[in-house]
C-alpha atoms as a PDB file:
ATOM      1  CA  UNK A   1       0.000   0.000   0.000  1.00  0.00           C
ATOM      2  CA  UNK A   2       1.149   3.570  -0.618  1.00  0.00           C
ATOM      3  CA  UNK A   3       0.177   6.865   1.009  1.00  0.00           C
ATOM      4  CA  UNK A   4       0.969  10.326  -0.375  1.00  0.00           C
ATOM      5  CA  UNK A   5       2.008  12.674   2.435  1.00  0.00           C
ATOM      6  CA  UNK A   6       3.558  16.077   1.809  1.00  0.00           C
ATOM      7  CA  UNK A   7       4.862  15.004  -1.631  1.00  0.00           C
ATOM      8  CA  UNK A   8       6.319  11.838  -0.113  1.00  0.00           C
ATOM      9  CA  UNK A   9       5.066   8.301  -0.572  1.00  0.00           C
ATOM     10  CA  UNK A  10       4.973   6.196   2.602  1.00  0.00           C
ATOM     11  CA  UNK A  11       4.842   2.433   2.158  1.00  0.00           C
ATOM     12  CA  UNK A  12       3.867  -0.214   4.647  1.00  0.00           C
ATOM     13  CA  UNK A  13       6.802  -2.329   3.531  1.00  0.00           C
ATOM     14  CA  UNK A  14       5.813  -5.675   2.043  1.00  0.00           C
ATOM     15  CA  UNK A  15       7.560  -7.764   0.916  1.00  0.00           C
ATOM     16  CA  UNK A  16      10.301  -6.805   3.296  1.00  0.00           C
ATOM     17  CA  UNK A  17      13.864  -6.268   2.087  1.00  0.00           C
ATOM     18  CA  UNK A  18      15.742  -6.712   5.334  1.00  0.00           C
ATOM     19  CA  UNK A  19      19.134  -6.051   3.744  1.00  0.00           C
ATOM     20  CA  UNK A  20      18.080  -2.646   2.406  1.00  0.00           C
ATOM     21  CA  UNK A  21      16.384  -1.682   5.679  1.00  0.00           C
ATOM     22  CA  UNK A  22      19.455  -2.731   7.688  1.00  0.00           C
ATOM     23  CA  UNK A  23      21.772  -0.796   5.399  1.00  0.00           C
ATOM     24  CA  UNK A  24      19.664   2.351   5.764  1.00  0.00           C
ATOM     25  CA  UNK A  25      19.396   2.129   9.564  1.00  0.00           C
ATOM     26  CA  UNK A  26      23.132   1.505   9.904  1.00  0.00           C
ATOM     27  CA  UNK A  27      23.917   4.396   7.548  1.00  0.00           C
ATOM     28  CA  UNK A  28      21.738   6.753   9.567  1.00  0.00           C
ATOM     29  CA  UNK A  29      22.730   5.668  13.064  1.00  0.00           C
ATOM     30  CA  UNK A  30      26.251   4.275  13.087  1.00  0.00           C
ATOM     31  CA  UNK A  31      27.751   7.609  14.199  1.00  0.00           C
ATOM     32  CA  UNK A  32      25.030   8.785  16.596  1.00  0.00           C
ATOM     33  CA  UNK A  33      25.631   9.669  20.273  1.00  0.00           C
ATOM     34  CA  UNK A  34      24.711   6.228  21.634  1.00  0.00           C
ATOM     35  CA  UNK A  35      26.692   4.427  18.912  1.00  0.00           C
ATOM     36  CA  UNK A  36      29.764   6.531  19.725  1.00  0.00           C
ATOM     37  CA  UNK A  37      29.338   5.687  23.405  1.00  0.00           C
ATOM     38  CA  UNK A  38      29.086   1.976  22.627  1.00  0.00           C
ATOM     39  CA  UNK A  39      32.052   1.980  20.218  1.00  0.00           C
ATOM     40  CA  UNK A  40      34.427   4.942  20.640  1.00  0.00           C
ATOM     41  CA  UNK A  41      36.590   3.588  17.813  1.00  0.00           C
ATOM     42  CA  UNK A  42      34.989   4.741  14.519  1.00  0.00           C
ATOM     43  CA  UNK A  43      36.345   1.872  12.428  1.00  0.00           C
ATOM     44  CA  UNK A  44      34.976  -0.756  14.807  1.00  0.00           C
ATOM     45  CA  UNK A  45      31.715   1.181  15.106  1.00  0.00           C
ATOM     46  CA  UNK A  46      31.188   1.266  11.334  1.00  0.00           C
ATOM     47  CA  UNK A  47      32.247  -2.353  10.884  1.00  0.00           C
ATOM     48  CA  UNK A  48      29.765  -3.667  13.430  1.00  0.00           C
ATOM     49  CA  UNK A  49      26.826  -1.354  12.733  1.00  0.00           C
ATOM     50  CA  UNK A  50      25.054  -3.543  10.178  1.00  0.00           C
ATOM     51  CA  UNK A  51      25.331  -6.716  12.264  1.00  0.00           C
ATOM     52  CA  UNK A  52      23.991  -4.906  15.327  1.00  0.00           C
ATOM     53  CA  UNK A  53      21.024  -3.210  13.648  1.00  0.00           C
ATOM     54  CA  UNK A  54      20.188  -6.330  11.638  1.00  0.00           C
ATOM     55  CA  UNK A  55      19.073  -7.962  14.893  1.00  0.00           C
ATOM     56  CA  UNK A  56      16.343  -5.370  15.364  1.00  0.00           C
ATOM     57  CA  UNK A  57      15.369  -5.210  11.697  1.00  0.00           C
ATOM     58  CA  UNK A  58      14.833  -8.984  11.645  1.00  0.00           C
ATOM     59  CA  UNK A  59      12.777  -8.646  14.824  1.00  0.00           C
ATOM     60  CA  UNK A  60      10.635  -5.854  13.373  1.00  0.00           C
ATOM     61  CA  UNK A  61      10.044  -7.802  10.170  1.00  0.00           C
ATOM     62  CA  UNK A  62       8.753 -10.735  12.199  1.00  0.00           C
ATOM     63  CA  UNK A  63       6.779  -9.004  14.952  1.00  0.00           C
ATOM     64  CA  UNK A  64       6.571  -5.297  14.154  1.00  0.00           C
ATOM     65  CA  UNK A  65       5.389  -2.871  11.517  1.00  0.00           C
ATOM     66  CA  UNK A  66       7.776  -1.280   9.036  1.00  0.00           C
ATOM     67  CA  UNK A  67       7.142   1.895   7.019  1.00  0.00           C
ATOM     68  CA  UNK A  68       9.454   3.450   4.472  1.00  0.00           C
ATOM     69  CA  UNK A  69       9.721   6.120   1.822  1.00  0.00           C
ATOM     70  CA  UNK A  70      11.897   5.951  -1.279  1.00  0.00           C
ATOM     71  CA  UNK A  71      13.905   8.544  -3.165  1.00  0.00           C
ATOM     72  CA  UNK A  72      11.998   9.499  -6.321  1.00  0.00           C
ATOM     73  CA  UNK A  73      15.220   9.847  -8.319  1.00  0.00           C
ATOM     74  CA  UNK A  74      17.072   6.688  -7.325  1.00  0.00           C
ATOM     75  CA  UNK A  75      14.342   4.415  -5.959  1.00  0.00           C
ATOM     76  CA  UNK A  76      16.466   3.728  -2.882  1.00  0.00           C
ATOM     77  CA  UNK A  77      14.874   3.801   0.550  1.00  0.00           C
ATOM     78  CA  UNK A  78      15.309   7.253   2.049  1.00  0.00           C
ATOM     79  CA  UNK A  79      13.700   6.718   5.444  1.00  0.00           C
ATOM     80  CA  UNK A  80      12.285   3.907   7.529  1.00  0.00           C
ATOM     81  CA  UNK A  81      10.345   3.536  10.790  1.00  0.00           C
ATOM     82  CA  UNK A  82      10.337   0.333  12.845  1.00  0.00           C
ATOM     83  CA  UNK A  83       7.361   0.023  15.200  1.00  0.00           C
ATOM     84  CA  UNK A  84       6.433  -2.707  17.664  1.00  0.00           C
ATOM     85  CA  UNK A  85       2.759  -3.044  18.704  1.00  0.00           C
ATOM     86  CA  UNK A  86       3.185  -3.736  22.422  1.00  0.00           C
ATOM     87  CA  UNK A  87      -0.528  -4.064  23.054  1.00  0.00           C
ATOM     88  CA  UNK A  88       0.031  -7.773  23.694  1.00  0.00           C
ATOM     89  CA  UNK A  89       3.035  -9.918  24.529  1.00  0.00           C
ATOM     90  CA  UNK A  90       5.549 -10.707  21.807  1.00  0.00           C
ATOM     91  CA  UNK A  91       8.576 -12.987  22.247  1.00  0.00           C
ATOM     92  CA  UNK A  92      12.092 -11.535  22.523  1.00  0.00           C
ATOM     93  CA  UNK A  93      14.407 -11.492  19.490  1.00  0.00           C
ATOM     94  CA  UNK A  94      15.547 -14.963  18.523  1.00  0.00           C
ATOM     95  CA  UNK A  95      19.061 -15.888  19.664  1.00  0.00           C
ATOM     96  CA  UNK A  96      19.546 -12.340  20.935  1.00  0.00           C
ATOM     97  CA  UNK A  97      22.356 -12.940  23.429  1.00  0.00           C
ATOM     98  CA  UNK A  98      24.619 -14.675  20.930  1.00  0.00           C
ATOM     99  CA  UNK A  99      23.910 -12.277  18.066  1.00  0.00           C
ATOM    100  CA  UNK A 100      24.393  -9.115  20.102  1.00  0.00           C
ATOM    101  CA  UNK A 101      27.625 -10.434  21.622  1.00  0.00           C
ATOM    102  CA  UNK A 102      29.039 -11.179  18.167  1.00  0.00           C
ATOM    103  CA  UNK A 103      27.892  -7.807  16.811  1.00  0.00           C
ATOM    104  CA  UNK A 104      29.163  -5.713  19.704  1.00  0.00           C
ATOM    105  CA  UNK A 105      32.549  -7.385  20.346  1.00  0.00           C
ATOM    106  CA  UNK A 106      34.442  -5.263  22.926  1.00  0.00           C
ATOM    107  CA  UNK A 107      31.323  -3.145  23.538  1.00  0.00           C
ATOM    108  CA  UNK A 108      29.246  -6.065  24.812  1.00  0.00           C
ATOM    109  CA  UNK A 109      29.265  -4.857  28.421  1.00  0.00           C
ATOM    110  CA  UNK A 110      28.030  -1.445  27.338  1.00  0.00           C
ATOM    111  CA  UNK A 111      25.294  -2.989  25.201  1.00  0.00           C
ATOM    112  CA  UNK A 112      24.101  -4.881  28.268  1.00  0.00           C
ATOM    113  CA  UNK A 113      24.075  -1.636  30.262  1.00  0.00           C
ATOM    114  CA  UNK A 114      22.130   0.087  27.503  1.00  0.00           C
ATOM    115  CA  UNK A 115      19.584  -2.740  27.355  1.00  0.00           C
ATOM    116  CA  UNK A 116      19.156  -2.686  31.140  1.00  0.00           C
ATOM    117  CA  UNK A 117      18.651   1.083  31.214  1.00  0.00           C
ATOM    118  CA  UNK A 118      16.063   0.988  28.430  1.00  0.00           C
ATOM    119  CA  UNK A 119      14.194  -1.911  29.997  1.00  0.00           C
ATOM    120  CA  UNK A 120      14.100  -0.239  33.411  1.00  0.00           C
ATOM    121  CA  UNK A 121      12.262   2.778  31.969  1.00  0.00           C
ATOM    122  CA  UNK A 122      10.051   1.076  29.413  1.00  0.00           C
ATOM    123  CA  UNK A 123       6.354   1.525  30.271  1.00  0.00           C
ATOM    124  CA  UNK A 124       4.133  -1.465  30.984  1.00  0.00           C
ATOM    125  CA  UNK A 125       0.924   0.122  29.685  1.00  0.00           C
ATOM    126  CA  UNK A 126      -0.203  -1.103  26.233  1.00  0.00           C
ATOM    127  CA  UNK A 127       1.353   1.062  23.493  1.00  0.00           C
ATOM    128  CA  UNK A 128       3.225   1.050  20.206  1.00  0.00           C
ATOM    129  CA  UNK A 129       6.987   1.389  20.520  1.00  0.00           C
ATOM    130  CA  UNK A 130       9.046   3.263  17.936  1.00  0.00           C
ATOM    131  CA  UNK A 131      12.338   1.391  18.064  1.00  0.00           C
ATOM    132  CA  UNK A 132      14.033   3.249  15.189  1.00  0.00           C
ATOM    133  CA  UNK A 133      13.222   6.191  12.964  1.00  0.00           C
ATOM    134  CA  UNK A 134      16.064   6.414  10.449  1.00  0.00           C
ATOM    135  CA  UNK A 135      16.569   8.797   7.532  1.00  0.00           C
ATOM    136  CA  UNK A 136      19.507   8.473   5.179  1.00  0.00           C
ATOM    137  CA  UNK A 137      21.994  11.292   6.004  1.00  0.00           C
ATOM    138  CA  UNK A 138      21.816  12.749   2.476  1.00  0.00           C
ATOM    139  CA  UNK A 139      18.014  13.024   2.757  1.00  0.00           C
ATOM    140  CA  UNK A 140      17.679  14.506   6.233  1.00  0.00           C
ATOM    141  CA  UNK A 141      15.956  17.836   7.002  1.00  0.00           C
ATOM    142  CA  UNK A 142      13.384  17.304   4.235  1.00  0.00           C
ATOM    143  CA  UNK A 143      10.371  16.262   6.320  1.00  0.00           C
ATOM    144  CA  UNK A 144      10.818  12.517   5.826  1.00  0.00           C
ATOM    145  CA  UNK A 145      10.981  11.654   9.520  1.00  0.00           C
ATOM    146  CA  UNK A 146       7.901  13.747  10.287  1.00  0.00           C
ATOM    147  CA  UNK A 147       5.939  12.151   7.438  1.00  0.00           C
ATOM    148  CA  UNK A 148       6.820   8.663   8.676  1.00  0.00           C
ATOM    149  CA  UNK A 149       5.647   9.622  12.156  1.00  0.00           C
ATOM    150  CA  UNK A 150       2.389  11.092  10.888  1.00  0.00           C
ATOM    151  CA  UNK A 151       1.602   7.930   8.947  1.00  0.00           C
ATOM    152  CA  UNK A 152       1.590   5.708  12.008  1.00  0.00           C
ATOM    153  CA  UNK A 153       0.232   8.316  14.405  1.00  0.00           C
ATOM    154  CA  UNK A 154      -2.927   8.531  12.296  1.00  0.00           C
ATOM    155  CA  UNK A 155      -3.536   4.842  12.968  1.00  0.00           C
ATOM    156  CA  UNK A 156      -2.751   5.150  16.660  1.00  0.00           C
ATOM    157  CA  UNK A 157      -5.042   8.139  17.079  1.00  0.00           C
ATOM    158  CA  UNK A 158      -7.910   6.339  15.351  1.00  0.00           C
ATOM    159  CA  UNK A 159      -7.461   3.339  17.634  1.00  0.00           C
ATOM    160  CA  UNK A 160      -6.799   5.353  20.813  1.00  0.00           C
ATOM    161  CA  UNK A 161      -3.353   3.824  21.345  1.00  0.00           C
ATOM    162  CA  UNK A 162      -0.397   5.737  22.890  1.00  0.00           C
ATOM    163  CA  UNK A 163       3.183   5.630  21.622  1.00  0.00           C
ATOM    164  CA  UNK A 164       6.583   5.458  23.303  1.00  0.00           C
ATOM    165  CA  UNK A 165      10.182   5.999  22.179  1.00  0.00           C
ATOM    166  CA  UNK A 166      13.646   7.010  23.345  1.00  0.00           C
ATOM    167  CA  UNK A 167      15.189  10.067  21.677  1.00  0.00           C
ATOM    168  CA  UNK A 168      18.968   9.909  21.426  1.00  0.00           C
ATOM    169  CA  UNK A 169      19.850  13.549  20.766  1.00  0.00           C
ATOM    170  CA  UNK A 170      18.293  17.004  21.275  1.00  0.00           C
ATOM    171  CA  UNK A 171      17.359  17.428  17.605  1.00  0.00           C
ATOM    172  CA  UNK A 172      15.399  14.167  17.562  1.00  0.00           C
ATOM    173  CA  UNK A 173      13.841  15.023  20.919  1.00  0.00           C
ATOM    174  CA  UNK A 174      12.597  18.339  19.539  1.00  0.00           C
ATOM    175  CA  UNK A 175      11.131  16.611  16.473  1.00  0.00           C
ATOM    176  CA  UNK A 176       9.147  14.279  18.695  1.00  0.00           C
ATOM    177  CA  UNK A 177       8.000  17.138  20.899  1.00  0.00           C
ATOM    178  CA  UNK A 178       6.536  18.792  17.795  1.00  0.00           C
ATOM    179  CA  UNK A 179       4.634  15.575  17.070  1.00  0.00           C
ATOM    180  CA  UNK A 180       2.885  15.385  20.415  1.00  0.00           C
ATOM    181  CA  UNK A 181       5.361  13.500  22.590  1.00  0.00           C
ATOM    182  CA  UNK A 182       6.241  14.528  26.124  1.00  0.00           C
ATOM    183  CA  UNK A 183       9.419  13.711  28.016  1.00  0.00           C
ATOM    184  CA  UNK A 184       8.710  11.235  30.805  1.00  0.00           C
ATOM    185  CA  UNK A 185      12.246  10.993  32.138  1.00  0.00           C
ATOM    186  CA  UNK A 186      15.879  11.292  31.132  1.00  0.00           C
ATOM    187  CA  UNK A 187      17.810   8.026  30.998  1.00  0.00           C
ATOM    188  CA  UNK A 188      21.430   8.477  32.028  1.00  0.00           C
ATOM    189  CA  UNK A 189      23.955   6.009  30.639  1.00  0.00           C
ATOM    190  CA  UNK A 190      27.170   5.485  32.657  1.00  0.00           C
ATOM    191  CA  UNK A 191      29.574   8.150  31.357  1.00  0.00           C
ATOM    192  CA  UNK A 192      27.390   8.356  28.283  1.00  0.00           C
ATOM    193  CA  UNK A 193      24.865  10.582  26.511  1.00  0.00           C
ATOM    194  CA  UNK A 194      21.338  11.168  27.830  1.00  0.00           C
ATOM    195  CA  UNK A 195      18.310   9.485  26.327  1.00  0.00           C
ATOM    196  CA  UNK A 196      14.878  11.052  26.554  1.00  0.00           C
ATOM    197  CA  UNK A 197      12.069   8.598  27.301  1.00  0.00           C
ATOM    198  CA  UNK A 198       9.013  10.059  25.566  1.00  0.00           C
ATOM    199  CA  UNK A 199       5.302   9.231  25.590  1.00  0.00           C
ATOM    200  CA  UNK A 200       2.541  10.334  23.241  1.00  0.00           C
ATOM    201  CA  UNK A 201      -1.130  10.153  24.108  1.00  0.00           C
ATOM    202  CA  UNK A 202      -3.493   9.526  21.178  1.00  0.00           C
ATOM    203  CA  UNK A 203      -4.994  12.725  19.811  1.00  0.00           C
ATOM    204  CA  UNK A 204      -8.524  13.434  18.629  1.00  0.00           C
ATOM    205  CA  UNK A 205      -8.659  13.975  14.878  1.00  0.00           C
ATOM    206  CA  UNK A 206     -11.275  16.169  13.234  1.00  0.00           C
END
């Protein structure tokens, strides 16, 4: 299915190209604040990014909902959103411990600390969880992230379902604030960057 939003076309991705989604997410996030905290060495960080994010892409393909938009000129994915409908129980990622240890190498202890911090703050109320909103660096600041958010928020608002996410830098936090999220708390990583735990109540649509 396709949806025209602000001159962009948002697809509910099917069939799912996990390799392309993983490549996009890694391209967008390999050098972010949390990634730099996990892997201070840029070469190691870039080398391991695809293996690390592939774990969550595979998980979203199996149990989540994936939306994307493509570049009109090249046909390549320009942005992608990975949502998990946590309105009922879903199993954890398959073989997570082994895969994340192989993907993180020397950063494994920090990955465990990150996972523990996120889990400690994750709400128990039924909601949809935005695990990743990724826009290819060359296509950022063009409204793609906002359009991807609006696509899923329309569904959540119609169904009366809240949303939750963790923002990993002030720019992303401000984007989510503009889309109806509120900061619940700040998650402090040991000697690392802050994460903003954010919650969005469903909105009435006229």
